[in-house]
PDB file of N, CA and C in Angstrom:
ATOM      1  N   MET A   1       0.805  -1.167  -0.031  1.00  0.00           N
ATOM      2  CA  MET A   1       0.014  -0.046  -0.003  1.00  0.00           C
ATOM      3  C   MET A   1       0.839   1.242   0.015  1.00  0.00           C
ATOM      4  N   GLU A   2       2.061   1.198   0.595  1.00  0.00           N
ATOM      5  CA  GLU A   2       2.871   2.394   0.717  1.00  0.00           C
ATOM      6  C   GLU A   2       3.465   2.806  -0.637  1.00  0.00           C
ATOM      7  N   ASP A   3       3.661   1.862  -1.552  1.00  0.00           N
ATOM      8  CA  ASP A   3       4.168   2.106  -2.883  1.00  0.00           C
ATOM      9  C   ASP A   3       3.012   2.433  -3.901  1.00  0.00           C
ATOM     10  N   ASP A   4       1.842   2.500  -3.480  1.00  0.00           N
ATOM     11  CA  ASP A   4       0.700   2.659  -4.348  1.00  0.00           C
ATOM     12  C   ASP A   4       0.614   3.921  -5.101  1.00  0.00           C
ATOM     13  N   ASP A   5       0.820   5.049  -4.422  1.00  0.00           N
ATOM     14  CA  ASP A   5       0.778   6.418  -5.033  1.00  0.00           C
ATOM     15  C   ASP A   5      -0.471   6.694  -5.686  1.00  0.00           C
ATOM     16  N   GLY A   6      -1.611   6.121  -5.196  1.00  0.00           N
ATOM     17  CA  GLY A   6      -2.943   6.382  -5.779  1.00  0.00           C
ATOM     18  C   GLY A   6      -3.310   5.593  -7.005  1.00  0.00           C
ATOM     19  N   GLU A   7      -2.437   4.683  -7.430  1.00  0.00           N
ATOM     20  CA  GLU A   7      -2.670   3.938  -8.669  1.00  0.00           C
ATOM     21  C   GLU A   7      -3.859   2.953  -8.530  1.00  0.00           C
ATOM     22  N   SER A   8      -4.092   2.422  -7.324  1.00  0.00           N
ATOM     23  CA  SER A   8      -5.301   1.558  -7.133  1.00  0.00           C
ATOM     24  C   SER A   8      -6.555   2.252  -7.211  1.00  0.00           C
ATOM     25  N   ALA A   9      -6.562   3.543  -6.604  1.00  0.00           N
ATOM     26  CA  ALA A   9      -7.837   4.340  -6.796  1.00  0.00           C
ATOM     27  C   ALA A   9      -8.069   4.670  -8.237  1.00  0.00           C
ATOM     28  N   LEU A  10      -6.949   5.054  -8.952  1.00  0.00           N
ATOM     29  CA  LEU A  10      -7.211   5.426 -10.367  1.00  0.00           C
ATOM     30  C   LEU A  10      -7.740   4.207 -11.145  1.00  0.00           C
ATOM     31  N   ALA A  11      -7.117   2.990 -10.862  1.00  0.00           N
ATOM     32  CA  ALA A  11      -7.592   1.767 -11.486  1.00  0.00           C
ATOM     33  C   ALA A  11      -9.046   1.501 -11.172  1.00  0.00           C
ATOM     34  N   ALA A  12      -9.494   1.725  -9.911  1.00  0.00           N
ATOM     35  CA  ALA A  12     -10.852   1.498  -9.531  1.00  0.00           C
ATOM     36  C   ALA A  12     -11.816   2.412 -10.257  1.00  0.00           C
ATOM     37  N   VAL A  13     -11.367   3.683 -10.375  1.00  0.00           N
ATOM     38  CA  VAL A  13     -12.195   4.588 -11.153  1.00  0.00           C
ATOM     39  C   VAL A  13     -12.309   4.188 -12.569  1.00  0.00           C
ATOM     40  N   GLY A  14     -11.197   3.806 -13.206  1.00  0.00           N
ATOM     41  CA  GLY A  14     -11.303   3.363 -14.560  1.00  0.00           C
ATOM     42  C   GLY A  14     -12.169   2.174 -14.744  1.00  0.00           C
ATOM     43  N   CYS A  15     -12.162   1.254 -13.797  1.00  0.00           N
ATOM     44  CA  CYS A  15     -12.934   0.034 -13.836  1.00  0.00           C
ATOM     45  C   CYS A  15     -14.425   0.373 -13.786  1.00  0.00           C
ATOM     46  N   ILE A  16     -14.812   1.300 -12.879  1.00  0.00           N
ATOM     47  CA  ILE A  16     -16.298   1.552 -12.661  1.00  0.00           C
ATOM     48  C   ILE A  16     -16.684   2.395 -13.896  1.00  0.00           C
ATOM     49  N   GLN A  17     -15.857   3.241 -14.547  1.00  0.00           N
ATOM     50  CA  GLN A  17     -16.230   3.962 -15.707  1.00  0.00           C
ATOM     51  C   GLN A  17     -16.496   2.996 -16.845  1.00  0.00           C
ATOM     52  N   ALA A  18     -15.636   1.936 -17.025  1.00  0.00           N
ATOM     53  CA  ALA A  18     -15.911   0.921 -18.035  1.00  0.00           C
ATOM     54  C   ALA A  18     -17.180   0.267 -17.798  1.00  0.00           C
ATOM     55  N   ILE A  19     -17.467  -0.072 -16.608  1.00  0.00           N
ATOM     56  CA  ILE A  19     -18.780  -0.728 -16.205  1.00  0.00           C
ATOM     57  C   ILE A  19     -19.957   0.180 -16.624  1.00  0.00           C
ATOM     58  N   ARG A  20     -19.821   1.404 -16.342  1.00  0.00           N
ATOM     59  CA  ARG A  20     -20.936   2.418 -16.691  1.00  0.00           C
ATOM     60  C   ARG A  20     -21.097   2.535 -18.207  1.00  0.00           C
ATOM     61  N   ARG A  21     -20.032   2.523 -18.923  1.00  0.00           N
ATOM     62  CA  ARG A  21     -20.150   2.544 -20.385  1.00  0.00           C
ATOM     63  C   ARG A  21     -20.784   1.228 -20.950  1.00  0.00           C
ATOM     64  N   THR A  22     -20.402   0.076 -20.325  1.00  0.00           N
ATOM     65  CA  THR A  22     -21.028  -1.060 -20.710  1.00  0.00           C
ATOM     66  C   THR A  22     -22.455  -1.140 -20.462  1.00  0.00           C
ATOM     67  N   LEU A  23     -22.910  -0.700 -19.291  1.00  0.00           N
ATOM     68  CA  LEU A  23     -24.306  -0.576 -18.939  1.00  0.00           C
ATOM     69  C   LEU A  23     -25.076   0.290 -19.945  1.00  0.00           C
ATOM     70  N   GLU A  24     -24.436   1.443 -20.175  1.00  0.00           N
ATOM     71  CA  GLU A  24     -25.052   2.417 -21.139  1.00  0.00           C
ATOM     72  C   GLU A  24     -25.322   1.750 -22.535  1.00  0.00           C
ATOM     73  N   SER A  25     -24.454   0.832 -22.931  1.00  0.00           N
ATOM     74  CA  SER A  25     -24.544   0.295 -24.229  1.00  0.00           C
ATOM     75  C   SER A  25     -25.668  -0.844 -24.348  1.00  0.00           C
ATOM     76  N   VAL A  26     -26.044  -1.426 -23.155  1.00  0.00           N
ATOM     77  CA  VAL A  26     -27.064  -2.415 -23.081  1.00  0.00           C
ATOM     78  C   VAL A  26     -28.255  -1.973 -22.351  1.00  0.00           C
ATOM     79  N   GLN A  27     -28.482  -0.730 -22.058  1.00  0.00           N
ATOM     80  CA  GLN A  27     -29.457  -0.302 -21.149  1.00  0.00           C
ATOM     81  C   GLN A  27     -30.907  -0.609 -21.711  1.00  0.00           C
ATOM     82  N   LYS A  28     -31.112  -0.852 -22.930  1.00  0.00           N
ATOM     83  CA  LYS A  28     -32.418  -1.213 -23.440  1.00  0.00           C
ATOM     84  C   LYS A  28     -32.730  -2.685 -23.432  1.00  0.00           C
ATOM     85  N   GLU A  29     -31.810  -3.495 -22.919  1.00  0.00           N
ATOM     86  CA  GLU A  29     -31.967  -4.939 -22.870  1.00  0.00           C
ATOM     87  C   GLU A  29     -32.015  -5.395 -21.426  1.00  0.00           C
ATOM     88  N   PRO A  30     -33.212  -5.557 -20.805  1.00  0.00           N
ATOM     89  CA  PRO A  30     -33.354  -5.868 -19.361  1.00  0.00           C
ATOM     90  C   PRO A  30     -32.620  -7.257 -19.048  1.00  0.00           C
ATOM     91  N   LEU A  31     -32.707  -8.183 -19.932  1.00  0.00           N
ATOM     92  CA  LEU A  31     -32.072  -9.465 -19.584  1.00  0.00           C
ATOM     93  C   LEU A  31     -30.532  -9.306 -19.509  1.00  0.00           C
ATOM     94  N   MET A  32     -30.001  -8.588 -20.421  1.00  0.00           N
ATOM     95  CA  MET A  32     -28.568  -8.388 -20.346  1.00  0.00           C
ATOM     96  C   MET A  32     -28.168  -7.579 -19.074  1.00  0.00           C
ATOM     97  N   LEU A  33     -28.922  -6.577 -18.773  1.00  0.00           N
ATOM     98  CA  LEU A  33     -28.676  -5.858 -17.549  1.00  0.00           C
ATOM     99  C   LEU A  33     -28.710  -6.728 -16.346  1.00  0.00           C
ATOM    100  N   HIS A  34     -29.676  -7.526 -16.262  1.00  0.00           N
ATOM    101  CA  HIS A  34     -29.823  -8.465 -15.156  1.00  0.00           C
ATOM    102  C   HIS A  34     -28.644  -9.394 -14.981  1.00  0.00           C
ATOM    103  N   GLN A  35     -28.206  -9.867 -16.078  1.00  0.00           N
ATOM    104  CA  GLN A  35     -26.974 -10.774 -16.129  1.00  0.00           C
ATOM    105  C   GLN A  35     -25.742 -10.042 -15.689  1.00  0.00           C
ATOM    106  N   LEU A  36     -25.538  -8.722 -16.121  1.00  0.00           N
ATOM    107  CA  LEU A  36     -24.420  -7.966 -15.789  1.00  0.00           C
ATOM    108  C   LEU A  36     -24.484  -7.573 -14.280  1.00  0.00           C
ATOM    109  N   GLN A  37     -25.666  -7.329 -13.778  1.00  0.00           N
ATOM    110  CA  GLN A  37     -25.859  -6.891 -12.433  1.00  0.00           C
ATOM    111  C   GLN A  37     -25.251  -7.959 -11.485  1.00  0.00           C
ATOM    112  N   GLN A  38     -25.500  -9.219 -11.796  1.00  0.00           N
ATOM    113  CA  GLN A  38     -24.968 -10.257 -10.979  1.00  0.00           C
ATOM    114  C   GLN A  38     -23.524 -10.289 -10.889  1.00  0.00           C
ATOM    115  N   VAL A  39     -22.874  -9.888 -11.941  1.00  0.00           N
ATOM    116  CA  VAL A  39     -21.324  -9.874 -11.999  1.00  0.00           C
ATOM    117  C   VAL A  39     -20.780  -8.650 -11.359  1.00  0.00           C
ATOM    118  N   ILE A  40     -21.356  -7.489 -11.537  1.00  0.00           N
ATOM    119  CA  ILE A  40     -20.787  -6.215 -11.104  1.00  0.00           C
ATOM    120  C   ILE A  40     -21.247  -5.776  -9.789  1.00  0.00           C
ATOM    121  N   TYR A  41     -22.264  -6.542  -9.090  1.00  0.00           N
ATOM    122  CA  TYR A  41     -22.686  -6.079  -7.829  1.00  0.00           C
ATOM    123  C   TYR A  41     -21.648  -5.777  -6.783  1.00  0.00           C
ATOM    124  N   PRO A  42     -20.663  -6.732  -6.536  1.00  0.00           N
ATOM    125  CA  PRO A  42     -19.632  -6.461  -5.570  1.00  0.00           C
ATOM    126  C   PRO A  42     -18.866  -5.139  -5.896  1.00  0.00           C
ATOM    127  N   ILE A  43     -18.526  -4.923  -7.153  1.00  0.00           N
ATOM    128  CA  ILE A  43     -17.825  -3.685  -7.421  1.00  0.00           C
ATOM    129  C   ILE A  43     -18.642  -2.469  -7.180  1.00  0.00           C
ATOM    130  N   LEU A  44     -19.969  -2.476  -7.512  1.00  0.00           N
ATOM    131  CA  LEU A  44     -20.753  -1.333  -7.229  1.00  0.00           C
ATOM    132  C   LEU A  44     -20.947  -1.033  -5.797  1.00  0.00           C
ATOM    133  N   MET A  45     -21.048  -2.138  -4.956  1.00  0.00           N
ATOM    134  CA  MET A  45     -21.191  -1.951  -3.534  1.00  0.00           C
ATOM    135  C   MET A  45     -19.871  -1.443  -2.949  1.00  0.00           C
ATOM    136  N   HIS A  46     -18.706  -1.789  -3.525  1.00  0.00           N
ATOM    137  CA  HIS A  46     -17.439  -1.208  -3.010  1.00  0.00           C
ATOM    138  C   HIS A  46     -17.391   0.226  -3.282  1.00  0.00           C
ATOM    139  N   SER A  47     -17.990   0.762  -4.368  1.00  0.00           N
ATOM    140  CA  SER A  47     -17.901   2.141  -4.676  1.00  0.00           C
ATOM    141  C   SER A  47     -18.749   2.952  -3.676  1.00  0.00           C
ATOM    142  N   LEU A  48     -19.523   2.333  -2.838  1.00  0.00           N
ATOM    143  CA  LEU A  48     -20.291   3.038  -1.842  1.00  0.00           C
ATOM    144  C   LEU A  48     -19.674   2.978  -0.460  1.00  0.00           C
ATOM    145  N   THR A  49     -18.468   2.412  -0.380  1.00  0.00           N
ATOM    146  CA  THR A  49     -17.710   2.298   0.892  1.00  0.00           C
ATOM    147  C   THR A  49     -16.695   3.514   0.950  1.00  0.00           C
ATOM    148  N   PRO A  50     -16.224   3.811   2.182  1.00  0.00           N
ATOM    149  CA  PRO A  50     -15.247   4.854   2.238  1.00  0.00           C
ATOM    150  C   PRO A  50     -14.069   4.608   1.431  1.00  0.00           C
ATOM    151  N   GLU A  51     -13.592   3.368   1.120  1.00  0.00           N
ATOM    152  CA  GLU A  51     -12.441   3.088   0.336  1.00  0.00           C
ATOM    153  C   GLU A  51     -12.747   3.331  -1.170  1.00  0.00           C
ATOM    154  N   GLY A  52     -14.025   3.257  -1.512  1.00  0.00           N
ATOM    155  CA  GLY A  52     -14.397   3.415  -2.946  1.00  0.00           C
ATOM    156  C   GLY A  52     -14.929   4.781  -3.289  1.00  0.00           C
ATOM    157  N   LEU A  53     -14.759   5.693  -2.452  1.00  0.00           N
ATOM    158  CA  LEU A  53     -15.385   7.037  -2.631  1.00  0.00           C
ATOM    159  C   LEU A  53     -14.840   7.753  -3.883  1.00  0.00           C
ATOM    160  N   ASP A  54     -13.736   7.346  -4.382  1.00  0.00           N
ATOM    161  CA  ASP A  54     -13.235   7.990  -5.629  1.00  0.00           C
ATOM    162  C   ASP A  54     -14.120   7.646  -6.794  1.00  0.00           C
ATOM    163  N   ALA A  55     -14.792   6.513  -6.715  1.00  0.00           N
ATOM    164  CA  ALA A  55     -15.586   6.036  -7.822  1.00  0.00           C
ATOM    165  C   ALA A  55     -17.097   6.125  -7.523  1.00  0.00           C
ATOM    166  N   ILE A  56     -17.448   6.903  -6.492  1.00  0.00           N
ATOM    167  CA  ILE A  56     -18.852   6.830  -6.057  1.00  0.00           C
ATOM    168  C   ILE A  56     -19.838   7.444  -7.140  1.00  0.00           C
ATOM    169  N   GLU A  57     -19.407   8.479  -7.734  1.00  0.00           N
ATOM    170  CA  GLU A  57     -20.286   9.134  -8.792  1.00  0.00           C
ATOM    171  C   GLU A  57     -20.649   8.168  -9.913  1.00  0.00           C
ATOM    172  N   ASP A  58     -19.656   7.470 -10.469  1.00  0.00           N
ATOM    173  CA  ASP A  58     -19.925   6.504 -11.514  1.00  0.00           C
ATOM    174  C   ASP A  58     -20.684   5.356 -10.969  1.00  0.00           C
ATOM    175  N   GLY A  59     -20.412   4.893  -9.757  1.00  0.00           N
ATOM    176  CA  GLY A  59     -21.061   3.837  -9.117  1.00  0.00           C
ATOM    177  C   GLY A  59     -22.533   4.062  -8.948  1.00  0.00           C
ATOM    178  N   ILE A  60     -22.849   5.333  -8.467  1.00  0.00           N
ATOM    179  CA  ILE A  60     -24.283   5.702  -8.363  1.00  0.00           C
ATOM    180  C   ILE A  60     -24.954   5.785  -9.763  1.00  0.00           C
ATOM    181  N   ASP A  61     -24.209   6.235 -10.737  1.00  0.00           N
ATOM    182  CA  ASP A  61     -24.844   6.247 -12.141  1.00  0.00           C
ATOM    183  C   ASP A  61     -25.142   4.893 -12.571  1.00  0.00           C
ATOM    184  N   CYS A  62     -24.277   3.881 -12.272  1.00  0.00           N
ATOM    185  CA  CYS A  62     -24.549   2.497 -12.617  1.00  0.00           C
ATOM    186  C   CYS A  62     -25.750   1.955 -11.922  1.00  0.00           C
ATOM    187  N   ILE A  63     -25.838   2.172 -10.634  1.00  0.00           N
ATOM    188  CA  ILE A  63     -26.986   1.726  -9.821  1.00  0.00           C
ATOM    189  C   ILE A  63     -28.233   2.266 -10.343  1.00  0.00           C
ATOM    190  N   THR A  64     -28.236   3.575 -10.667  1.00  0.00           N
ATOM    191  CA  THR A  64     -29.403   4.309 -11.271  1.00  0.00           C
ATOM    192  C   THR A  64     -29.828   3.611 -12.548  1.00  0.00           C
ATOM    193  N   MET A  65     -28.878   3.397 -13.424  1.00  0.00           N
ATOM    194  CA  MET A  65     -29.231   2.741 -14.743  1.00  0.00           C
ATOM    195  C   MET A  65     -29.846   1.371 -14.455  1.00  0.00           C
ATOM    196  N   LEU A  66     -29.253   0.603 -13.516  1.00  0.00           N
ATOM    197  CA  LEU A  66     -29.838  -0.742 -13.227  1.00  0.00           C
ATOM    198  C   LEU A  66     -31.243  -0.648 -12.730  1.00  0.00           C
ATOM    199  N   LEU A  67     -31.471   0.245 -11.861  1.00  0.00           N
ATOM    200  CA  LEU A  67     -32.837   0.511 -11.281  1.00  0.00           C
ATOM    201  C   LEU A  67     -33.847   0.969 -12.351  1.00  0.00           C
ATOM    202  N   TYR A  68     -33.408   1.941 -13.133  1.00  0.00           N
ATOM    203  CA  TYR A  68     -34.299   2.560 -14.128  1.00  0.00           C
ATOM    204  C   TYR A  68     -34.636   1.584 -15.313  1.00  0.00           C
ATOM    205  N   TYR A  69     -33.576   0.998 -15.796  1.00  0.00           N
ATOM    206  CA  TYR A  69     -33.828   0.231 -17.031  1.00  0.00           C
ATOM    207  C   TYR A  69     -33.957  -1.289 -16.780  1.00  0.00           C
ATOM    208  N   GLY A  70     -33.620  -1.747 -15.584  1.00  0.00           N
ATOM    209  CA  GLY A  70     -33.637  -3.195 -15.334  1.00  0.00           C
ATOM    210  C   GLY A  70     -34.986  -3.755 -14.925  1.00  0.00           C
ATOM    211  N   SER A  71     -36.042  -3.165 -15.158  1.00  0.00           N
ATOM    212  CA  SER A  71     -37.354  -3.564 -14.730  1.00  0.00           C
ATOM    213  C   SER A  71     -37.693  -4.841 -15.296  1.00  0.00           C
TER     214      SER A  71
END
C-alpha cells in the first residue's frame, strides 16, 4: 500500500467507468442488464464504501441505470 501512489484508486475509477459505459450500451436490454448486475454487484457496492469514494459518482450512475432500465 505504501508504494501505491494512488494507482489503485485510479484503476478502480477506470474500472467503474468501463462498467458504466457497458451498462449504457445495453440499457435497453433488461435481460442483459440483469446478467451484468450479478457480476458487477460487488464492485458497485465497493464504490459506496469509504475506500471506494473515488468512484462513487460513476457507481451511483450505474446503480441508477440498473434500477431504471432493469425492470
